[in-house]
Amino acid sequence: NPCRIIRRTNAEFLRRFCVTFCVSSAIKFDFFDYALCADQTRYGKPHPEMLNKIVKRFFLKKSQTLYVGDMVIDVQAGRRAKINTVIVTSGSSNKLDIKREHPFRIISAISRLRDLL
């Protein structure tokens, strides 16, 4: 199944990132069929607006949705949206701070996500 992506940055940054790293539109949309960036919402994380917009747009059930992030603010956003959050410990938040937020799961690499599915 395709993934949805949300970014704390703006849509122009995401577009430039994809171009810079030679991610063609065809390849990008094999993995991500929708991008929602901070400049397309009224509130940024940890406000749940971004997650709630994606859930609503794709008619998802929150109980069957996983939000993957890499920072404490992602756990906070997931909790406020009532969506289980998996944290990959590759971000700027340290593991102790992440544990204090009690995410659904903590994994050391994105490749470990498959083990949860």
N, C-alpha and C. Protein backbone atom coordinates (compact mmCIF):
# COMPACT_ATOMS: atom_id res chain seq x y z
N ASN A 1 0.83 -1.19 0.00
CA ASN A 1 0.00 0.00 0.00
C ASN A 1 0.87 1.25 0.00
N PRO A 2 0.45 2.29 -0.69
CA PRO A 2 1.21 3.54 -0.68
C PRO A 2 1.19 4.18 0.70
N CYS A 3 2.15 5.05 0.93
CA CYS A 3 2.25 5.78 2.19
C CYS A 3 1.84 7.22 1.97
N ARG A 4 1.47 7.86 3.04
CA ARG A 4 1.23 9.30 3.00
C ARG A 4 2.37 9.93 3.78
N ILE A 5 2.79 11.09 3.35
CA ILE A 5 3.90 11.74 4.01
C ILE A 5 3.48 13.13 4.47
N ILE A 6 3.91 13.47 5.67
CA ILE A 6 3.73 14.84 6.12
C ILE A 6 5.10 15.37 6.53
N ARG A 7 5.29 16.63 6.32
CA ARG A 7 6.57 17.25 6.63
C ARG A 7 6.34 18.52 7.41
N ARG A 8 7.26 18.77 8.32
CA ARG A 8 7.22 20.00 9.11
C ARG A 8 7.67 21.18 8.24
N THR A 9 8.39 20.90 7.16
CA THR A 9 8.88 21.94 6.28
C THR A 9 7.81 22.31 5.25
N ASN A 10 8.15 23.18 4.33
CA ASN A 10 7.15 23.59 3.35
C ASN A 10 7.21 22.74 2.08
N ALA A 11 6.19 22.89 1.26
CA ALA A 11 6.06 22.07 0.05
C ALA A 11 7.20 22.31 -0.92
N GLU A 12 7.67 23.54 -1.03
CA GLU A 12 8.78 23.85 -1.94
C GLU A 12 10.04 23.10 -1.52
N PHE A 13 10.30 23.02 -0.23
CA PHE A 13 11.46 22.27 0.26
C PHE A 13 11.35 20.80 -0.14
N LEU A 14 10.18 20.22 0.03
CA LEU A 14 9.99 18.82 -0.32
C LEU A 14 10.21 18.60 -1.82
N ARG A 15 9.71 19.51 -2.65
CA ARG A 15 9.91 19.40 -4.09
C ARG A 15 11.40 19.48 -4.43
N ARG A 16 12.13 20.44 -3.84
CA ARG A 16 13.56 20.58 -4.10
C ARG A 16 14.33 19.36 -3.61
N PHE A 17 13.93 18.82 -2.46
CA PHE A 17 14.59 17.62 -1.92
C PHE A 17 14.47 16.47 -2.93
N CYS A 18 13.28 16.28 -3.46
CA CYS A 18 13.07 15.18 -4.42
C CYS A 18 13.90 15.40 -5.69
N VAL A 19 13.97 16.63 -6.16
CA VAL A 19 14.76 16.92 -7.35
C VAL A 19 16.25 16.74 -7.07
N THR A 20 16.72 17.25 -5.95
CA THR A 20 18.13 17.18 -5.59
C THR A 20 18.62 15.75 -5.49
N PHE A 21 17.81 14.90 -4.93
CA PHE A 21 18.22 13.51 -4.73
C PHE A 21 17.73 12.59 -5.84
N CYS A 22 17.43 13.19 -6.99
CA CYS A 22 17.08 12.44 -8.21
C CYS A 22 15.90 11.50 -8.01
N VAL A 23 14.94 11.94 -7.28
CA VAL A 23 13.73 11.14 -7.09
C VAL A 23 12.73 11.62 -8.13
N SER A 24 12.50 10.83 -9.14
CA SER A 24 11.55 11.23 -10.17
C SER A 24 10.14 11.16 -9.61
N SER A 25 9.22 11.87 -10.24
CA SER A 25 7.83 11.84 -9.79
C SER A 25 7.29 10.42 -9.79
N ALA A 26 7.65 9.64 -10.80
CA ALA A 26 7.15 8.26 -10.90
C ALA A 26 7.64 7.43 -9.71
N ILE A 27 8.90 7.58 -9.38
CA ILE A 27 9.45 6.82 -8.25
C ILE A 27 8.86 7.32 -6.95
N LYS A 28 8.84 8.63 -6.78
CA LYS A 28 8.33 9.21 -5.53
C LYS A 28 6.92 8.73 -5.25
N PHE A 29 6.06 8.75 -6.25
CA PHE A 29 4.67 8.43 -6.00
C PHE A 29 4.41 6.92 -5.96
N ASP A 30 5.40 6.11 -6.23
CA ASP A 30 5.27 4.68 -5.94
C ASP A 30 5.25 4.48 -4.43
N PHE A 31 5.94 5.35 -3.71
CA PHE A 31 6.01 5.23 -2.26
C PHE A 31 5.08 6.19 -1.54
N PHE A 32 4.95 7.39 -2.07
CA PHE A 32 4.12 8.41 -1.43
C PHE A 32 3.10 8.91 -2.43
N ASP A 33 1.83 8.72 -2.11
CA ASP A 33 0.81 9.18 -3.03
C ASP A 33 0.22 10.53 -2.62
N TYR A 34 0.76 11.09 -1.55
CA TYR A 34 0.26 12.37 -1.08
C TYR A 34 1.30 13.00 -0.18
N ALA A 35 1.50 14.28 -0.32
CA ALA A 35 2.41 15.02 0.57
C ALA A 35 1.65 16.19 1.17
N LEU A 36 1.73 16.33 2.48
CA LEU A 36 1.12 17.44 3.19
C LEU A 36 2.22 18.11 4.00
N CYS A 37 2.45 19.37 3.74
CA CYS A 37 3.54 20.10 4.39
C CYS A 37 2.99 21.18 5.31
N ALA A 38 3.86 21.68 6.17
CA ALA A 38 3.44 22.65 7.18
C ALA A 38 2.84 23.91 6.57
N ASP A 39 3.30 24.29 5.38
CA ASP A 39 2.75 25.51 4.77
C ASP A 39 1.36 25.28 4.17
N GLN A 40 0.86 24.07 4.26
CA GLN A 40 -0.47 23.75 3.75
C GLN A 40 -1.47 23.55 4.90
N THR A 41 -1.05 23.87 6.10
CA THR A 41 -1.92 23.72 7.26
C THR A 41 -1.87 25.00 8.09
N ARG A 42 -2.83 25.13 8.95
CA ARG A 42 -2.88 26.31 9.82
C ARG A 42 -1.95 26.14 11.03
N TYR A 43 -1.87 24.92 11.53
CA TYR A 43 -1.08 24.66 12.74
C TYR A 43 0.00 23.63 12.44
N GLY A 44 1.15 23.81 13.04
CA GLY A 44 2.23 22.84 12.91
C GLY A 44 2.19 21.81 14.02
N LYS A 45 3.06 20.83 13.90
CA LYS A 45 3.16 19.82 14.96
C LYS A 45 3.65 20.51 16.24
N PRO A 46 3.19 20.12 17.39
CA PRO A 46 2.49 18.87 17.69
C PRO A 46 0.97 18.92 17.56
N HIS A 47 0.44 19.99 17.03
CA HIS A 47 -1.01 20.05 16.80
C HIS A 47 -1.39 18.89 15.87
N PRO A 48 -2.50 18.23 16.10
CA PRO A 48 -2.87 17.05 15.31
C PRO A 48 -3.47 17.36 13.93
N GLU A 49 -3.54 18.63 13.54
CA GLU A 49 -4.21 18.99 12.29
C GLU A 49 -3.68 18.21 11.08
N MET A 50 -2.37 18.10 10.93
CA MET A 50 -1.80 17.44 9.76
C MET A 50 -2.22 15.97 9.70
N LEU A 51 -2.13 15.29 10.82
CA LEU A 51 -2.52 13.88 10.85
C LEU A 51 -4.01 13.71 10.61
N ASN A 52 -4.80 14.56 11.24
CA ASN A 52 -6.25 14.46 11.07
C ASN A 52 -6.67 14.73 9.62
N LYS A 53 -5.99 15.64 8.94
CA LYS A 53 -6.31 15.91 7.53
C LYS A 53 -6.05 14.69 6.66
N ILE A 54 -4.95 14.00 6.92
CA ILE A 54 -4.64 12.81 6.13
C ILE A 54 -5.63 11.69 6.42
N VAL A 55 -5.96 11.49 7.68
CA VAL A 55 -6.94 10.46 8.05
C VAL A 55 -8.27 10.74 7.36
N LYS A 56 -8.69 11.99 7.39
CA LYS A 56 -9.97 12.35 6.77
C LYS A 56 -9.91 12.21 5.25
N ARG A 57 -8.86 12.69 4.64
CA ARG A 57 -8.74 12.67 3.18
C ARG A 57 -8.80 11.27 2.60
N PHE A 58 -8.19 10.30 3.32
CA PHE A 58 -8.10 8.94 2.81
C PHE A 58 -9.05 7.97 3.51
N PHE A 59 -9.97 8.51 4.29
CA PHE A 59 -10.98 7.70 4.98
C PHE A 59 -10.33 6.57 5.79
N LEU A 60 -9.29 6.92 6.53
CA LEU A 60 -8.57 5.93 7.32
C LEU A 60 -9.21 5.78 8.69
N LYS A 61 -9.01 4.63 9.28
CA LYS A 61 -9.39 4.42 10.67
C LYS A 61 -8.15 4.66 11.51
N LYS A 62 -8.26 5.52 12.49
CA LYS A 62 -7.11 5.83 13.33
C LYS A 62 -6.55 4.59 14.00
N SER A 63 -7.44 3.66 14.35
CA SER A 63 -7.00 2.44 15.02
C SER A 63 -6.18 1.53 14.11
N GLN A 64 -6.23 1.77 12.80
CA GLN A 64 -5.49 0.96 11.85
C GLN A 64 -4.38 1.75 11.15
N THR A 65 -4.02 2.89 11.75
CA THR A 65 -3.03 3.78 11.17
C THR A 65 -1.80 3.85 12.07
N LEU A 66 -0.62 3.87 11.45
CA LEU A 66 0.63 4.10 12.17
C LEU A 66 1.24 5.38 11.64
N TYR A 67 1.69 6.20 12.54
CA TYR A 67 2.41 7.42 12.19
C TYR A 67 3.87 7.18 12.52
N VAL A 68 4.75 7.38 11.56
CA VAL A 68 6.18 7.15 11.76
C VAL A 68 6.88 8.49 11.81
N GLY A 69 7.65 8.70 12.85
CA GLY A 69 8.40 9.95 13.00
C GLY A 69 9.76 9.68 13.60
N ASP A 70 10.49 10.75 13.88
CA ASP A 70 11.82 10.56 14.45
C ASP A 70 12.14 11.55 15.56
N MET A 71 11.11 12.24 16.06
CA MET A 71 11.35 13.23 17.10
C MET A 71 10.24 13.20 18.16
N VAL A 72 10.53 13.79 19.30
CA VAL A 72 9.56 13.89 20.39
C VAL A 72 8.27 14.55 19.91
N ILE A 73 8.39 15.59 19.12
CA ILE A 73 7.21 16.31 18.62
C ILE A 73 6.30 15.40 17.81
N ASP A 74 6.87 14.37 17.18
CA ASP A 74 6.05 13.42 16.41
C ASP A 74 5.22 12.55 17.35
N VAL A 75 5.79 12.14 18.47
CA VAL A 75 5.02 11.36 19.46
C VAL A 75 3.87 12.21 19.99
N GLN A 76 4.17 13.47 20.28
CA GLN A 76 3.14 14.37 20.81
C GLN A 76 2.01 14.58 19.79
N ALA A 77 2.36 14.76 18.53
CA ALA A 77 1.34 14.93 17.49
C ALA A 77 0.50 13.67 17.34
N GLY A 78 1.14 12.52 17.33
CA GLY A 78 0.42 11.25 17.22
C GLY A 78 -0.55 11.05 18.38
N ARG A 79 -0.07 11.34 19.58
CA ARG A 79 -0.94 11.16 20.76
C ARG A 79 -2.14 12.10 20.68
N ARG A 80 -1.92 13.34 20.30
CA ARG A 80 -3.02 14.31 20.21
C ARG A 80 -4.02 13.93 19.12
N ALA A 81 -3.54 13.25 18.07
CA ALA A 81 -4.43 12.80 17.00
C ALA A 81 -5.03 11.43 17.31
N LYS A 82 -4.57 10.81 18.40
CA LYS A 82 -5.02 9.47 18.80
C LYS A 82 -4.64 8.42 17.75
N ILE A 83 -3.38 8.53 17.27
CA ILE A 83 -2.82 7.60 16.30
C ILE A 83 -1.54 7.01 16.89
N ASN A 84 -1.40 5.69 16.82
CA ASN A 84 -0.19 5.05 17.30
C ASN A 84 1.02 5.56 16.53
N THR A 85 2.06 5.90 17.27
CA THR A 85 3.25 6.49 16.67
C THR A 85 4.45 5.59 16.87
N VAL A 86 5.16 5.34 15.78
CA VAL A 86 6.42 4.60 15.80
C VAL A 86 7.54 5.61 15.60
N ILE A 87 8.52 5.58 16.48
CA ILE A 87 9.65 6.50 16.37
C ILE A 87 10.90 5.75 15.94
N VAL A 88 11.55 6.30 14.93
CA VAL A 88 12.84 5.79 14.47
C VAL A 88 13.89 6.67 15.13
N THR A 89 14.85 6.06 15.79
CA THR A 89 15.82 6.82 16.59
C THR A 89 16.95 7.42 15.76
N SER A 90 16.61 7.94 14.60
CA SER A 90 17.62 8.56 13.74
C SER A 90 17.48 10.08 13.70
N GLY A 91 16.53 10.61 14.42
CA GLY A 91 16.28 12.05 14.40
C GLY A 91 17.11 12.80 15.41
N SER A 92 16.75 14.06 15.62
CA SER A 92 17.52 14.91 16.52
C SER A 92 17.15 14.73 17.99
N SER A 93 16.05 14.07 18.29
CA SER A 93 15.67 13.82 19.68
C SER A 93 16.46 12.63 20.23
N ASN A 94 16.85 12.74 21.50
CA ASN A 94 17.57 11.60 22.07
C ASN A 94 16.59 10.53 22.56
N LYS A 95 17.09 9.33 22.66
CA LYS A 95 16.25 8.18 22.97
C LYS A 95 15.55 8.30 24.32
N LEU A 96 16.22 8.86 25.31
CA LEU A 96 15.61 9.02 26.63
C LEU A 96 14.40 9.95 26.57
N ASP A 97 14.54 11.07 25.86
CA ASP A 97 13.41 11.99 25.70
C ASP A 97 12.25 11.33 24.96
N ILE A 98 12.59 10.52 23.97
CA ILE A 98 11.55 9.81 23.21
C ILE A 98 10.82 8.82 24.12
N LYS A 99 11.57 8.06 24.92
CA LYS A 99 10.97 7.08 25.83
C LYS A 99 10.02 7.75 26.82
N ARG A 100 10.36 8.93 27.28
CA ARG A 100 9.51 9.65 28.24
C ARG A 100 8.13 9.98 27.66
N GLU A 101 8.05 10.05 26.34
CA GLU A 101 6.78 10.37 25.67
C GLU A 101 5.92 9.13 25.42
N HIS A 102 6.46 7.95 25.64
CA HIS A 102 5.74 6.68 25.52
C HIS A 102 5.11 6.46 24.14
N PRO A 103 5.94 6.44 23.08
CA PRO A 103 5.37 6.13 21.76
C PRO A 103 4.90 4.67 21.71
N PHE A 104 4.12 4.34 20.71
CA PHE A 104 3.65 2.97 20.52
C PHE A 104 4.82 2.00 20.41
N ARG A 105 5.81 2.35 19.59
CA ARG A 105 7.03 1.55 19.44
C ARG A 105 8.21 2.47 19.13
N ILE A 106 9.40 2.02 19.49
CA ILE A 106 10.64 2.69 19.12
C ILE A 106 11.47 1.69 18.34
N ILE A 107 11.96 2.10 17.17
CA ILE A 107 12.80 1.23 16.35
C ILE A 107 14.10 1.96 16.02
N SER A 108 15.14 1.19 15.76
CA SER A 108 16.45 1.78 15.51
C SER A 108 16.68 2.16 14.05
N ALA A 109 15.91 1.58 13.15
CA ALA A 109 16.07 1.87 11.72
C ALA A 109 14.74 1.69 11.03
N ILE A 110 14.52 2.47 9.98
CA ILE A 110 13.25 2.38 9.25
C ILE A 110 13.03 0.98 8.68
N SER A 111 14.11 0.27 8.41
CA SER A 111 13.99 -1.10 7.89
C SER A 111 13.31 -2.03 8.89
N ARG A 112 13.31 -1.67 10.17
CA ARG A 112 12.66 -2.47 11.22
C ARG A 112 11.13 -2.29 11.22
N LEU A 113 10.65 -1.31 10.49
CA LEU A 113 9.21 -1.04 10.44
C LEU A 113 8.44 -2.24 9.91
N ARG A 114 9.01 -2.92 8.95
CA ARG A 114 8.37 -4.08 8.36
C ARG A 114 8.03 -5.14 9.42
N ASP A 115 8.85 -5.24 10.46
CA ASP A 115 8.61 -6.21 11.54
C ASP A 115 7.32 -5.91 12.30
N LEU A 116 6.87 -4.67 12.28
CA LEU A 116 5.66 -4.28 13.02
C LEU A 116 4.38 -4.49 12.21
N LEU A 117 4.53 -4.65 10.92
CA LEU A 117 3.35 -4.71 10.06
C LEU A 117 2.81 -6.12 9.90
